[in-house]
N, C-alpha and C. Protein backbone atom coordinates (compact mmCIF):
# COMPACT_ATOMS: atom_id res chain seq x y z
N MET A 1 20.79 28.74 1.16
CA MET A 1 21.12 27.45 1.25
C MET A 1 20.77 26.22 0.08
N VAL A 2 21.39 25.89 -0.70
CA VAL A 2 21.37 24.93 -1.63
C VAL A 2 20.63 23.78 -0.86
N HIS A 3 19.76 23.45 -1.51
CA HIS A 3 18.86 21.83 -1.12
C HIS A 3 19.53 20.83 -1.55
N VAL A 4 20.15 19.72 -0.69
CA VAL A 4 20.27 18.57 -1.24
C VAL A 4 19.39 17.68 -0.97
N PRO A 5 19.12 16.62 -2.34
CA PRO A 5 17.88 15.72 -2.56
C PRO A 5 18.54 14.60 -1.68
N LYS A 6 17.22 14.27 -0.89
CA LYS A 6 16.93 13.30 -0.23
C LYS A 6 16.29 12.00 -0.68
N LEU A 7 16.88 11.39 -1.70
CA LEU A 7 16.01 10.65 -2.67
C LEU A 7 16.03 9.17 -1.98
N LYS A 8 14.75 8.60 -2.14
CA LYS A 8 14.25 7.76 -1.82
C LYS A 8 13.48 6.87 -2.36
N SER A 9 13.52 5.45 -2.18
CA SER A 9 12.61 4.64 -3.23
C SER A 9 11.70 4.04 -2.62
N ILE A 10 10.35 3.65 -3.02
CA ILE A 10 9.20 3.30 -2.76
C ILE A 10 8.77 2.16 -3.72
N TYR A 11 8.66 0.95 -2.83
CA TYR A 11 8.00 -0.25 -4.11
C TYR A 11 6.54 0.09 -3.91
N ILE A 12 5.57 0.41 -5.26
CA ILE A 12 4.01 0.46 -4.99
C ILE A 12 4.02 -0.81 -5.82
N VAL A 13 2.44 -1.47 -5.73
CA VAL A 13 1.96 -2.42 -5.98
C VAL A 13 0.32 -1.99 -5.80
N ARG A 14 -0.35 -2.40 -6.88
CA ARG A 14 -1.71 -2.39 -7.02
C ARG A 14 -1.76 -3.69 -6.45
N HIS A 15 -3.36 -3.80 -5.86
CA HIS A 15 -3.65 -5.46 -5.33
C HIS A 15 -3.86 -5.97 -6.52
N GLY A 16 -4.07 -7.37 -6.31
CA GLY A 16 -4.37 -8.28 -7.52
C GLY A 16 -5.96 -8.42 -7.81
N GLU A 17 -6.32 -8.80 -8.83
CA GLU A 17 -7.77 -8.52 -9.46
C GLU A 17 -8.51 -9.11 -8.84
N THR A 18 -9.83 -8.36 -8.87
CA THR A 18 -11.24 -8.72 -8.11
C THR A 18 -12.47 -8.43 -9.30
N GLU A 19 -13.15 -9.53 -8.59
CA GLU A 19 -14.47 -9.72 -9.44
C GLU A 19 -15.09 -8.04 -10.07
N TYR A 20 -14.52 -7.26 -8.90
CA TYR A 20 -15.35 -5.74 -9.75
C TYR A 20 -14.52 -4.79 -10.95
N ASN A 21 -13.08 -5.36 -10.73
CA ASN A 21 -11.75 -4.96 -11.53
C ASN A 21 -12.59 -5.53 -13.19
N VAL A 22 -12.99 -6.97 -12.83
CA VAL A 22 -13.55 -7.58 -14.06
C VAL A 22 -14.68 -6.77 -14.82
N ALA A 23 -15.70 -6.40 -13.65
CA ALA A 23 -17.00 -6.06 -14.49
C ALA A 23 -16.74 -4.46 -14.26
N ARG A 24 -15.87 -4.19 -14.07
CA ARG A 24 -15.26 -2.33 -14.39
C ARG A 24 -16.16 -1.52 -13.40
N THR A 25 -16.73 -1.78 -12.35
CA THR A 25 -17.62 -1.31 -11.88
C THR A 25 -16.54 -0.77 -10.63
N ALA A 26 -16.87 0.49 -10.12
CA ALA A 26 -16.36 1.10 -8.81
C ALA A 26 -16.09 0.55 -7.72
N THR A 27 -15.04 -0.04 -6.87
CA THR A 27 -14.89 -0.88 -6.04
C THR A 27 -14.86 0.31 -4.83
N GLY A 28 -13.84 1.15 -4.48
CA GLY A 28 -13.98 2.15 -3.79
C GLY A 28 -13.69 1.56 -2.65
N GLN A 29 -14.07 1.65 -1.18
CA GLN A 29 -13.73 1.19 -0.03
C GLN A 29 -14.58 -0.02 0.46
N ILE A 30 -15.34 -0.85 -0.45
CA ILE A 30 -15.67 -2.26 -0.80
C ILE A 30 -15.17 -3.26 -0.16
N ASN A 31 -15.31 -4.01 0.63
CA ASN A 31 -13.93 -4.83 1.38
C ASN A 31 -13.74 -6.16 0.44
N CYS A 32 -13.66 -6.21 -0.61
CA CYS A 32 -13.76 -7.71 -1.18
C CYS A 32 -12.38 -8.26 -1.63
N PRO A 33 -12.67 -9.68 -1.77
CA PRO A 33 -11.50 -10.36 -2.03
C PRO A 33 -10.75 -10.13 -3.38
N ILE A 34 -9.33 -10.49 -3.26
CA ILE A 34 -8.98 -10.51 -4.76
C ILE A 34 -9.61 -12.26 -5.49
N ASN A 35 -10.06 -12.20 -6.69
CA ASN A 35 -10.07 -13.45 -7.43
C ASN A 35 -9.10 -14.45 -7.62
N ALA A 36 -9.30 -15.52 -8.37
CA ALA A 36 -8.67 -16.55 -8.35
C ALA A 36 -7.35 -15.99 -9.34
N ASN A 37 -7.76 -15.15 -10.44
CA ASN A 37 -6.55 -14.62 -11.09
C ASN A 37 -5.96 -13.84 -10.42
N GLY A 38 -6.26 -13.38 -9.46
CA GLY A 38 -5.43 -12.36 -8.66
C GLY A 38 -4.77 -12.97 -7.62
N ILE A 39 -4.98 -13.94 -7.24
CA ILE A 39 -3.95 -14.72 -6.52
C ILE A 39 -2.92 -15.19 -7.34
N ALA A 40 -3.30 -15.62 -8.54
CA ALA A 40 -1.98 -15.92 -9.44
C ALA A 40 -1.22 -14.97 -9.81
N GLN A 41 -1.93 -14.07 -10.01
CA GLN A 41 -0.87 -12.57 -10.44
C GLN A 41 0.04 -12.22 -8.78
N ALA A 42 -0.50 -12.33 -7.45
CA ALA A 42 0.32 -12.10 -6.70
C ALA A 42 1.11 -13.03 -6.20
N LYS A 43 1.15 -14.36 -6.73
CA LYS A 43 2.09 -15.53 -6.40
C LYS A 43 3.23 -15.36 -7.65
N VAL A 44 2.86 -14.85 -8.94
CA VAL A 44 3.89 -14.66 -9.98
C VAL A 44 4.99 -13.32 -9.45
N LEU A 45 3.89 -11.91 -8.96
CA LEU A 45 4.86 -11.20 -8.47
C LEU A 45 5.88 -11.28 -7.20
N ALA A 46 5.29 -12.61 -6.08
CA ALA A 46 6.05 -12.93 -5.00
C ALA A 46 7.78 -13.26 -5.86
N GLU A 47 7.53 -14.13 -6.64
CA GLU A 47 8.73 -14.43 -7.62
C GLU A 47 9.32 -13.61 -8.09
N LEU A 48 8.75 -12.53 -8.59
CA LEU A 48 9.73 -11.24 -9.22
C LEU A 48 10.21 -10.46 -7.87
N MET A 49 9.78 -10.63 -7.20
CA MET A 49 10.25 -9.69 -5.78
C MET A 49 11.76 -10.44 -5.49
N GLN A 50 11.48 -11.60 -5.59
CA GLN A 50 12.72 -12.17 -4.87
C GLN A 50 13.93 -11.86 -6.10
N LYS A 51 13.94 -10.89 -6.99
CA LYS A 51 15.09 -11.00 -8.01
C LYS A 51 15.49 -9.34 -7.99
N VAL A 52 14.70 -8.76 -7.26
CA VAL A 52 15.03 -6.97 -7.58
C VAL A 52 16.33 -7.25 -6.29
N ASP A 53 16.67 -5.28 -6.72
CA ASP A 53 18.26 -5.70 -6.37
C ASP A 53 18.00 -5.33 -4.97
N VAL A 54 17.25 -4.78 -4.40
CA VAL A 54 16.97 -4.05 -2.98
C VAL A 54 15.80 -4.87 -2.33
N LYS A 55 15.84 -5.57 -1.38
CA LYS A 55 14.67 -6.24 -0.70
C LYS A 55 13.80 -5.39 0.02
N PRO A 56 12.36 -5.00 -0.12
CA PRO A 56 11.72 -4.38 0.77
C PRO A 56 12.02 -4.56 2.31
N ASP A 57 11.78 -3.64 3.09
CA ASP A 57 12.18 -3.84 4.54
C ASP A 57 10.99 -4.02 5.45
N THR A 58 9.85 -3.56 5.10
CA THR A 58 8.77 -3.42 5.28
C THR A 58 7.40 -3.23 4.32
N VAL A 59 6.31 -4.38 4.44
CA VAL A 59 5.18 -4.41 3.82
C VAL A 59 4.20 -3.24 4.41
N ILE A 60 3.29 -2.51 4.05
CA ILE A 60 2.66 -1.64 4.46
C ILE A 60 1.42 -2.06 3.64
N HIS A 61 -0.05 -2.24 3.95
CA HIS A 61 -1.04 -2.29 2.75
C HIS A 61 -2.30 -1.27 3.37
N SER A 62 -3.04 -1.20 2.80
CA SER A 62 -4.38 -0.18 3.14
C SER A 62 -5.35 -0.97 4.52
N GLY A 63 -5.07 -2.12 4.42
CA GLY A 63 -6.13 -2.33 5.63
C GLY A 63 -7.27 -2.99 4.52
N LEU A 64 -8.09 -2.66 3.45
CA LEU A 64 -8.73 -3.47 2.89
C LEU A 64 -8.13 -4.99 2.47
N LEU A 65 -9.22 -5.57 2.05
CA LEU A 65 -9.15 -7.21 2.11
C LEU A 65 -8.56 -7.33 0.89
N ARG A 66 -8.74 -6.79 -0.25
CA ARG A 66 -8.21 -7.23 -1.45
C ARG A 66 -6.52 -6.78 -1.52
N ALA A 67 -6.07 -5.70 -0.52
CA ALA A 67 -4.65 -5.39 -0.72
C ALA A 67 -4.10 -5.98 0.59
N GLU A 68 -4.69 -6.20 1.85
CA GLU A 68 -3.96 -7.42 2.70
C GLU A 68 -3.70 -8.98 1.92
N GLN A 69 -4.39 -9.28 1.09
CA GLN A 69 -4.75 -10.43 0.62
C GLN A 69 -3.33 -10.59 -0.30
N THR A 70 -2.86 -9.26 -1.06
CA THR A 70 -2.10 -9.53 -1.80
C THR A 70 -0.81 -9.13 -1.17
N ALA A 71 -0.75 -8.35 -0.31
CA ALA A 71 0.68 -8.52 0.48
C ALA A 71 0.91 -9.43 1.28
N ASP A 72 0.09 -10.36 1.99
CA ASP A 72 0.15 -11.45 2.66
C ASP A 72 1.04 -12.37 1.55
N LEU A 73 0.40 -12.53 0.42
CA LEU A 73 0.94 -13.30 -0.84
C LEU A 73 2.59 -12.75 -1.09
N LEU A 74 2.82 -11.96 -1.32
CA LEU A 74 3.74 -11.23 -1.47
C LEU A 74 4.96 -11.69 -0.54
N ASN A 75 4.52 -11.41 1.01
CA ASN A 75 5.46 -11.34 2.29
C ASN A 75 5.83 -12.90 2.29
N ALA A 76 5.14 -13.63 1.74
CA ALA A 76 5.18 -15.40 2.04
C ALA A 76 6.79 -15.55 1.52
N GLN A 77 6.81 -14.54 0.15
CA GLN A 77 8.53 -14.79 -0.17
C GLN A 77 9.43 -13.50 0.91
N ILE A 78 8.72 -12.31 1.01
CA ILE A 78 9.88 -11.55 1.03
C ILE A 78 10.33 -11.72 2.82
N LYS A 79 9.05 -11.67 3.62
CA LYS A 79 9.43 -11.89 4.88
C LYS A 79 9.97 -10.96 5.87
N ALA A 80 9.06 -9.85 5.51
CA ALA A 80 9.11 -8.54 5.93
C ALA A 80 8.08 -8.36 7.05
N LYS A 81 8.28 -7.56 7.84
CA LYS A 81 7.20 -7.02 8.88
C LYS A 81 6.12 -6.07 7.76
N VAL A 82 5.08 -6.68 8.37
CA VAL A 82 3.52 -6.38 7.53
C VAL A 82 2.81 -5.35 8.73
N SER A 83 2.18 -4.30 7.79
CA SER A 83 1.73 -3.57 8.87
C SER A 83 0.12 -2.92 7.75
N SER A 84 -0.80 -2.36 8.15
CA SER A 84 -1.05 -1.44 7.44
C SER A 84 -1.42 0.21 7.76
N ASP A 85 -2.27 0.88 7.02
CA ASP A 85 -2.52 2.03 6.95
C ASP A 85 -3.64 3.05 6.58
N GLU A 86 -4.81 2.77 6.95
CA GLU A 86 -5.56 3.48 6.37
C GLU A 86 -5.90 4.75 5.56
N ARG A 87 -4.78 5.44 5.51
CA ARG A 87 -4.81 6.43 4.48
C ARG A 87 -4.31 5.87 3.13
N LEU A 88 -4.12 4.43 2.70
CA LEU A 88 -3.74 4.27 1.71
C LEU A 88 -5.16 3.40 0.90
N GLN A 89 -6.29 3.17 1.42
CA GLN A 89 -7.44 2.77 1.11
C GLN A 89 -7.87 3.65 -0.26
N GLU A 90 -8.26 2.90 -0.94
CA GLU A 90 -9.21 3.47 -2.35
C GLU A 90 -10.32 4.72 -1.73
N ILE A 91 -10.35 5.62 -2.82
CA ILE A 91 -11.23 6.75 -2.50
C ILE A 91 -13.00 6.37 -2.30
N MET A 92 -13.11 7.03 -1.30
CA MET A 92 -14.74 6.76 -0.76
C MET A 92 -15.65 6.99 -2.00
N TYR A 93 -16.19 5.72 -2.83
CA TYR A 93 -16.90 6.50 -3.91
C TYR A 93 -18.31 6.77 -3.65
N GLY A 94 -18.69 6.72 -2.18
CA GLY A 94 -19.91 7.16 -1.75
C GLY A 94 -21.29 6.35 -2.90
N ASP A 95 -22.31 7.27 -3.17
CA ASP A 95 -23.09 6.43 -4.08
C ASP A 95 -22.66 5.95 -5.43
N TRP A 96 -21.51 6.23 -5.62
CA TRP A 96 -20.86 5.52 -7.04
C TRP A 96 -20.03 3.76 -6.45
N GLN A 97 -20.14 3.77 -5.36
CA GLN A 97 -19.56 2.36 -4.85
C GLN A 97 -20.21 1.33 -6.31
N GLY A 98 -19.83 0.10 -6.42
CA GLY A 98 -20.64 -0.97 -7.00
C GLY A 98 -21.49 -0.60 -8.36
N VAL A 99 -20.85 0.63 -8.80
CA VAL A 99 -21.84 1.35 -10.08
C VAL A 99 -20.30 1.31 -11.28
N HIS A 100 -21.00 0.82 -12.46
CA HIS A 100 -20.32 0.60 -13.98
C HIS A 100 -19.57 2.16 -13.47
N PHE A 101 -17.85 2.34 -14.44
CA PHE A 101 -17.45 3.67 -14.81
C PHE A 101 -17.95 4.06 -15.56
N ASP A 102 -19.06 3.45 -16.65
CA ASP A 102 -19.61 4.25 -17.38
C ASP A 102 -20.73 5.16 -17.18
N LEU A 103 -21.63 4.70 -16.27
CA LEU A 103 -22.58 5.25 -16.02
C LEU A 103 -22.18 6.25 -15.20
N ILE A 104 -21.06 5.99 -14.38
CA ILE A 104 -20.61 7.32 -13.23
C ILE A 104 -19.84 8.36 -14.33
N ARG A 105 -19.05 8.28 -15.58
CA ARG A 105 -18.91 8.84 -15.89
C ARG A 105 -19.64 10.06 -16.98
N GLN A 106 -20.88 9.43 -17.10
CA GLN A 106 -22.18 10.14 -17.90
C GLN A 106 -22.80 10.93 -16.68
N SER A 107 -22.52 10.71 -15.38
CA SER A 107 -23.57 11.43 -14.39
C SER A 107 -22.54 12.32 -13.89
N GLN A 108 -21.57 12.67 -14.08
CA GLN A 108 -20.48 13.43 -13.37
C GLN A 108 -20.89 15.02 -13.78
N ALA A 109 -22.03 15.63 -13.02
CA ALA A 109 -21.91 17.00 -13.46
C ALA A 109 -20.97 17.85 -12.99
N GLU A 110 -20.33 17.35 -11.77
CA GLU A 110 -19.38 18.38 -11.48
C GLU A 110 -18.08 17.25 -11.33
N PRO A 111 -17.34 16.86 -12.25
CA PRO A 111 -16.54 15.86 -11.93
C PRO A 111 -15.43 15.85 -11.37
N HIS A 112 -15.00 17.24 -10.98
CA HIS A 112 -13.91 17.32 -10.01
C HIS A 112 -14.14 17.40 -8.63
N GLU A 113 -15.43 17.09 -8.39
CA GLU A 113 -15.92 17.26 -6.71
C GLU A 113 -16.02 16.01 -5.99
N GLY A 114 -15.85 15.01 -7.06
CA GLY A 114 -16.09 13.54 -6.28
C GLY A 114 -17.66 13.14 -5.91
N ALA A 115 -17.66 11.97 -5.27
CA ALA A 115 -18.93 11.18 -5.78
C ALA A 115 -20.00 11.93 -4.76
N PRO A 116 -21.44 11.75 -4.82
CA PRO A 116 -22.60 11.81 -3.81
C PRO A 116 -21.95 11.39 -2.41
N ASN A 117 -22.13 11.51 -1.62
CA ASN A 117 -21.74 11.14 -0.50
C ASN A 117 -20.89 10.48 -0.09
N GLY A 118 -20.01 10.63 -1.00
CA GLY A 118 -18.42 10.19 -0.71
C GLY A 118 -17.27 11.32 -0.32
N GLU A 119 -16.03 10.67 -1.17
CA GLU A 119 -14.79 11.63 -0.62
C GLU A 119 -14.67 12.46 -1.67
N THR A 120 -14.46 13.70 -1.38
CA THR A 120 -13.84 14.77 -2.43
C THR A 120 -12.35 14.05 -2.74
N TYR A 121 -12.17 14.81 -4.22
CA TYR A 121 -10.69 14.35 -4.57
C TYR A 121 -9.71 15.07 -3.80
N ARG A 122 -9.95 16.34 -3.31
CA ARG A 122 -9.23 16.96 -2.89
C ARG A 122 -8.61 16.46 -1.45
N GLY A 123 -9.64 15.78 -0.47
CA GLY A 123 -9.51 15.40 0.67
C GLY A 123 -8.69 14.04 0.54
N PHE A 124 -9.19 13.44 -0.81
CA PHE A 124 -8.30 11.86 -0.93
C PHE A 124 -6.78 11.99 -1.22
N GLU A 125 -6.64 12.81 -2.21
CA GLU A 125 -5.03 13.48 -2.47
C GLU A 125 -4.37 14.15 -1.44
N SER A 126 -4.99 14.41 0.04
CA SER A 126 -4.38 14.83 0.76
C SER A 126 -3.82 13.73 2.05
N ARG A 127 -4.86 13.10 2.33
CA ARG A 127 -4.38 11.61 2.90
C ARG A 127 -3.35 10.63 2.47
N VAL A 128 -3.91 10.86 0.67
CA VAL A 128 -2.45 9.85 -0.03
C VAL A 128 -1.40 10.18 0.64
N VAL A 129 -0.82 11.63 0.33
CA VAL A 129 0.07 12.12 -0.23
C VAL A 129 0.81 12.14 1.28
N SER A 130 0.19 12.48 2.56
CA SER A 130 0.58 12.28 3.61
C SER A 130 0.86 11.00 3.86
N ALA A 131 0.19 9.92 3.66
CA ALA A 131 0.58 8.81 3.95
C ALA A 131 2.40 8.27 3.26
N PHE A 132 2.14 8.67 2.29
CA PHE A 132 3.71 8.21 1.24
C PHE A 132 4.46 9.32 1.82
N THR A 133 4.68 10.39 2.14
CA THR A 133 5.52 11.39 2.81
C THR A 133 6.08 10.57 4.17
N GLU A 134 5.44 10.50 5.19
CA GLU A 134 5.61 9.88 6.17
C GLU A 134 6.12 8.32 6.02
N ILE A 135 5.80 7.72 4.91
CA ILE A 135 6.13 6.34 5.05
C ILE A 135 7.56 6.30 4.30
N ALA A 136 7.98 7.16 3.75
CA ALA A 136 9.36 7.41 3.04
C ALA A 136 10.02 7.75 3.85
N SER A 137 9.83 8.75 4.95
CA SER A 137 10.70 8.99 6.11
C SER A 137 11.11 8.11 6.86
N ALA A 138 9.86 7.21 7.36
CA ALA A 138 10.21 6.10 8.23
C ALA A 138 10.84 5.02 7.58
N HIS A 139 10.78 4.45 6.60
CA HIS A 139 11.48 3.52 6.01
C HIS A 139 12.25 3.43 5.16
N ASP A 140 13.62 2.57 5.21
CA ASP A 140 14.27 2.66 3.94
C ASP A 140 13.73 2.34 2.96
N PHE A 141 13.15 1.03 2.31
CA PHE A 141 12.59 0.54 1.07
C PHE A 141 11.16 0.15 1.78
N PRO A 142 10.41 0.51 1.60
CA PRO A 142 9.19 0.25 1.95
C PRO A 142 8.55 -0.45 0.24
N LEU A 143 7.36 -1.38 0.82
CA LEU A 143 6.75 -2.17 -0.09
C LEU A 143 5.27 -1.60 0.23
N ILE A 144 4.84 -0.75 -0.88
CA ILE A 144 3.29 -0.46 -0.33
C ILE A 144 2.29 -1.25 -1.10
N VAL A 145 1.43 -1.80 -0.54
CA VAL A 145 0.34 -2.60 -1.59
C VAL A 145 -1.18 -1.49 -1.28
N CYS A 146 -1.56 -1.24 -2.43
CA CYS A 146 -2.60 -0.33 -2.42
C CYS A 146 -3.72 -0.16 -3.60
N HIS A 147 -4.19 0.76 -3.85
CA HIS A 147 -5.03 0.92 -4.91
C HIS A 147 -4.86 1.79 -6.29
N GLY A 148 -5.43 1.32 -7.48
CA GLY A 148 -5.04 2.15 -8.22
C GLY A 148 -5.48 3.64 -8.20
N GLY A 149 -6.46 4.32 -7.86
CA GLY A 149 -6.45 5.50 -7.49
C GLY A 149 -5.80 6.06 -6.55
N VAL A 150 -5.38 5.45 -5.26
CA VAL A 150 -4.13 5.58 -4.65
C VAL A 150 -2.88 6.29 -5.52
N ILE A 151 -2.48 5.35 -6.49
CA ILE A 151 -1.36 5.42 -6.98
C ILE A 151 -1.42 7.00 -8.14
N LYS A 152 -2.42 7.01 -8.41
CA LYS A 152 -2.98 8.21 -9.43
C LYS A 152 -3.19 9.41 -8.64
N ALA A 153 -3.60 9.10 -7.74
CA ALA A 153 -3.69 10.33 -6.70
C ALA A 153 -2.74 11.09 -6.12
N LEU A 154 -1.28 10.11 -5.66
CA LEU A 154 -0.38 10.73 -5.58
C LEU A 154 0.40 11.94 -6.29
N PHE A 155 0.34 10.97 -7.53
CA PHE A 155 1.22 11.55 -8.65
C PHE A 155 0.10 12.90 -9.31
N GLY A 156 -1.33 12.69 -9.24
CA GLY A 156 -2.03 13.95 -9.14
C GLY A 156 -1.82 15.21 -8.49
N HIS A 157 -1.47 14.83 -7.54
CA HIS A 157 -1.33 15.86 -6.33
C HIS A 157 -0.15 16.70 -7.03
N PHE A 158 0.88 16.25 -7.73
CA PHE A 158 1.58 17.04 -8.16
C PHE A 158 1.95 17.41 -9.69
N LYS A 159 -0.01 17.08 -10.12
CA LYS A 159 0.02 17.79 -11.42
C LYS A 159 0.58 16.69 -12.82
N TYR A 160 0.97 15.42 -12.08
CA TYR A 160 1.31 14.39 -13.40
C TYR A 160 0.44 13.25 -13.20
N VAL A 161 0.21 13.05 -14.60
CA VAL A 161 -0.43 11.92 -15.23
C VAL A 161 0.46 10.74 -15.45
N ILE A 162 -0.05 9.30 -15.10
CA ILE A 162 0.48 8.21 -14.86
C ILE A 162 -0.13 7.10 -16.16
N PRO A 163 0.61 6.11 -16.82
CA PRO A 163 -0.17 4.98 -17.27
C PRO A 163 -0.74 4.85 -16.32
N ARG A 164 -2.25 4.01 -16.87
CA ARG A 164 -3.10 3.44 -15.70
C ARG A 164 -2.59 2.21 -15.00
N PRO A 165 -2.48 2.44 -13.51
CA PRO A 165 -1.77 1.34 -12.63
C PRO A 165 -2.76 -0.12 -12.99
N GLU A 166 -1.69 -1.08 -13.35
CA GLU A 166 -2.18 -2.47 -13.89
C GLU A 166 -2.37 -3.16 -12.21
N ASN A 167 -3.01 -4.49 -11.94
CA ASN A 167 -2.97 -5.19 -10.93
C ASN A 167 -2.08 -6.02 -10.96
N ALA A 168 -1.54 -5.94 -9.55
CA ALA A 168 -0.36 -6.86 -9.22
C ALA A 168 0.97 -6.73 -10.00
N VAL A 169 1.06 -5.48 -10.44
CA VAL A 169 2.08 -5.21 -10.69
C VAL A 169 3.58 -4.32 -10.28
N LEU A 170 4.74 -4.52 -10.59
CA LEU A 170 5.37 -4.03 -9.73
C LEU A 170 6.09 -2.69 -9.76
N TYR A 171 5.86 -1.71 -9.32
CA TYR A 171 6.36 -0.08 -9.74
C TYR A 171 7.30 0.19 -8.58
N ARG A 172 8.59 0.97 -8.96
CA ARG A 172 9.46 1.61 -7.84
C ARG A 172 9.17 3.49 -8.46
N LEU A 173 8.99 4.01 -7.07
CA LEU A 173 8.88 5.36 -7.33
C LEU A 173 10.19 6.11 -6.33
N THR A 174 10.94 6.60 -7.29
CA THR A 174 12.12 7.23 -6.64
C THR A 174 12.03 8.76 -6.51
N ALA A 175 11.81 9.27 -5.56
CA ALA A 175 11.68 10.70 -5.30
C ALA A 175 12.38 11.47 -4.10
N ASP A 176 12.36 12.59 -3.91
CA ASP A 176 13.23 13.66 -2.79
C ASP A 176 11.38 13.95 -2.35
N PHE A 177 11.10 13.10 -1.21
CA PHE A 177 9.78 13.61 -0.39
C PHE A 177 9.55 14.67 0.48
N SER A 178 10.95 15.19 0.90
CA SER A 178 10.82 16.27 1.72
C SER A 178 10.90 17.64 1.09
N THR A 179 10.33 17.24 -0.23
CA THR A 179 10.37 18.98 -1.05
C THR A 179 8.91 18.77 -1.62
N PRO A 180 8.15 20.11 -1.66
CA PRO A 180 6.58 20.31 -1.88
C PRO A 180 6.01 19.80 -3.57
N SER A 181 7.53 19.13 -4.06
CA SER A 181 7.13 18.66 -5.42
C SER A 181 8.06 17.28 -5.97
N LEU A 182 7.55 16.51 -6.66
CA LEU A 182 8.01 15.74 -7.12
C LEU A 182 8.68 15.87 -8.44
N LYS A 183 9.40 17.14 -8.32
CA LYS A 183 10.65 17.11 -9.54
C LYS A 183 11.64 16.27 -9.42
N GLY A 184 11.91 15.86 -11.03
CA GLY A 184 13.11 14.90 -10.80
C GLY A 184 12.90 13.80 -10.65
N CYS A 185 11.37 13.42 -9.94
CA CYS A 185 11.51 11.86 -9.33
C CYS A 185 11.46 10.84 -10.53
N GLN A 186 11.38 9.68 -10.25
CA GLN A 186 11.58 8.69 -11.43
C GLN A 186 10.66 7.42 -11.16
N PHE A 187 9.88 7.02 -12.32
CA PHE A 187 8.43 6.46 -11.96
C PHE A 187 9.09 4.98 -12.70
N GLU A 188 9.22 3.65 -12.13
CA GLU A 188 9.91 2.48 -12.98
C GLU A 188 8.76 1.61 -12.91
N LEU A 189 8.67 0.96 -13.98
CA LEU A 189 8.16 -0.47 -14.00
C LEU A 189 9.07 -1.91 -14.44
N ILE A 190 8.67 -2.29 -13.12
CA ILE A 190 9.59 -3.52 -12.46
C ILE A 190 9.13 -5.05 -13.19
N SER A 191 9.55 -5.56 -14.39
CA SER A 191 9.42 -6.93 -14.64
C SER A 191 10.25 -7.62 -15.10
N GLN A 192 9.82 -8.83 -15.85
CA GLN A 192 10.97 -9.82 -16.26
C GLN A 192 10.33 -10.58 -17.44
N SER A 193 11.47 -10.99 -18.57
CA SER A 193 11.59 -11.57 -19.61
C SER A 193 12.79 -12.73 -19.55
N ASN A 194 12.12 -13.33 -19.89
CA ASN A 194 12.96 -14.83 -20.17
C ASN A 194 13.96 -14.98 -18.72
N ASN A 195 13.24 -14.96 -17.71
CA ASN A 195 14.09 -14.89 -16.51
C ASN A 195 14.66 -13.94 -16.49
N THR A 196 14.55 -12.69 -16.79
CA THR A 196 15.98 -11.35 -16.83
C THR A 196 15.19 -10.19 -15.97
N LEU A 197 15.51 -9.66 -15.08
CA LEU A 197 14.50 -8.40 -14.65
C LEU A 197 14.85 -7.38 -15.61
N VAL A 198 13.71 -6.56 -15.79
CA VAL A 198 13.60 -5.92 -16.76
C VAL A 198 13.05 -4.52 -15.97
N ILE A 199 13.48 -3.29 -16.61
CA ILE A 199 13.01 -2.47 -15.44
C ILE A 199 13.11 -1.22 -16.65
N GLU A 200 11.78 -0.28 -16.61
CA GLU A 200 11.11 0.36 -17.77
C GLU A 200 10.81 1.72 -17.01
N VAL A 201 11.41 2.91 -17.32
CA VAL A 201 11.20 4.20 -16.93
C VAL A 201 10.02 4.50 -17.77
N LEU A 202 9.18 4.78 -17.01
CA LEU A 202 7.67 5.31 -17.40
C LEU A 202 7.30 6.73 -17.29
N PRO A 203 6.89 7.35 -18.67
CA PRO A 203 6.60 8.49 -18.98
C PRO A 203 5.54 8.92 -17.48
N LEU A 204 6.14 10.58 -17.57
CA LEU A 204 5.42 11.08 -16.32
C LEU A 204 4.74 12.71 -17.23
N ALA A 205 3.59 12.70 -17.54
CA ALA A 205 3.21 13.82 -18.66
C ALA A 205 2.29 14.81 -17.57
N GLN A 206 2.71 16.22 -17.88
CA GLN A 206 2.65 17.31 -16.89
C GLN A 206 1.26 17.76 -17.01
N VAL A 207 0.01 18.08 -16.54
CA VAL A 207 -0.70 18.61 -16.77
C VAL A 207 -1.31 19.58 -15.75
N HIS A 208 -2.24 20.24 -15.74
CA HIS A 208 -2.31 21.66 -14.92
C HIS A 208 -3.95 21.93 -14.77
N SER A 209 -4.29 20.63 -14.63
CA SER A 209 -6.21 20.37 -13.90
C SER A 209 -6.30 19.54 -12.81
N PRO A 210 -7.23 19.40 -12.29
CA PRO A 210 -7.84 18.42 -11.63
C PRO A 210 -7.79 17.26 -12.24
N LEU A 211 -7.42 16.21 -11.94
CA LEU A 211 -7.65 14.79 -12.23
C LEU A 211 -8.60 13.72 -11.78
N ILE A 212 -9.31 12.86 -12.40
CA ILE A 212 -10.55 12.59 -11.99
C ILE A 212 -9.80 11.11 -11.59
N TYR A 213 -10.03 10.28 -10.18
CA TYR A 213 -9.42 8.88 -10.27
C TYR A 213 -10.41 7.73 -10.05
């Protein structure tokens, strides 16, 4: 039987900036707020969301404060139902939480195993993919407010490398989530220039080794 693609679109946003982001330290599941710049970023993004062709029918965040605050600021304009899903939380960095990323890279004896006393990359990918698959099945145009590692893990599971997710930037992923791969998917960056909506298709580079988030 020929498989007929069931394409679904998901809006994806990494939370607004935090002080941990500024300091370049691993936040993981530390429950920190967004900073003043993060609030401003989310408000600008909320205005952009008013211009997309299809508005989100639901807003789902990770439950961590920085994602929840960003989701609430966005939903002030969207006015959709808001809920949380803990599977969308950032990777649990264990002993590396609050540690500068340069020090983490220097200490990684087994870089693909995850942090000491933290979550394994394999387990992280599994919960992230499970969440996105179920959300895509249950909603028409969801907006997911999550974390940089979560976005990279989704693609990393399928051996794709994406550009580094920026804070409070709007992405749209269109894919067939009913298949065991994201072959043929499209990943877009949505922005605006001179008050005009700009949609840029981002490159997806295929790799054949585990990724570090």
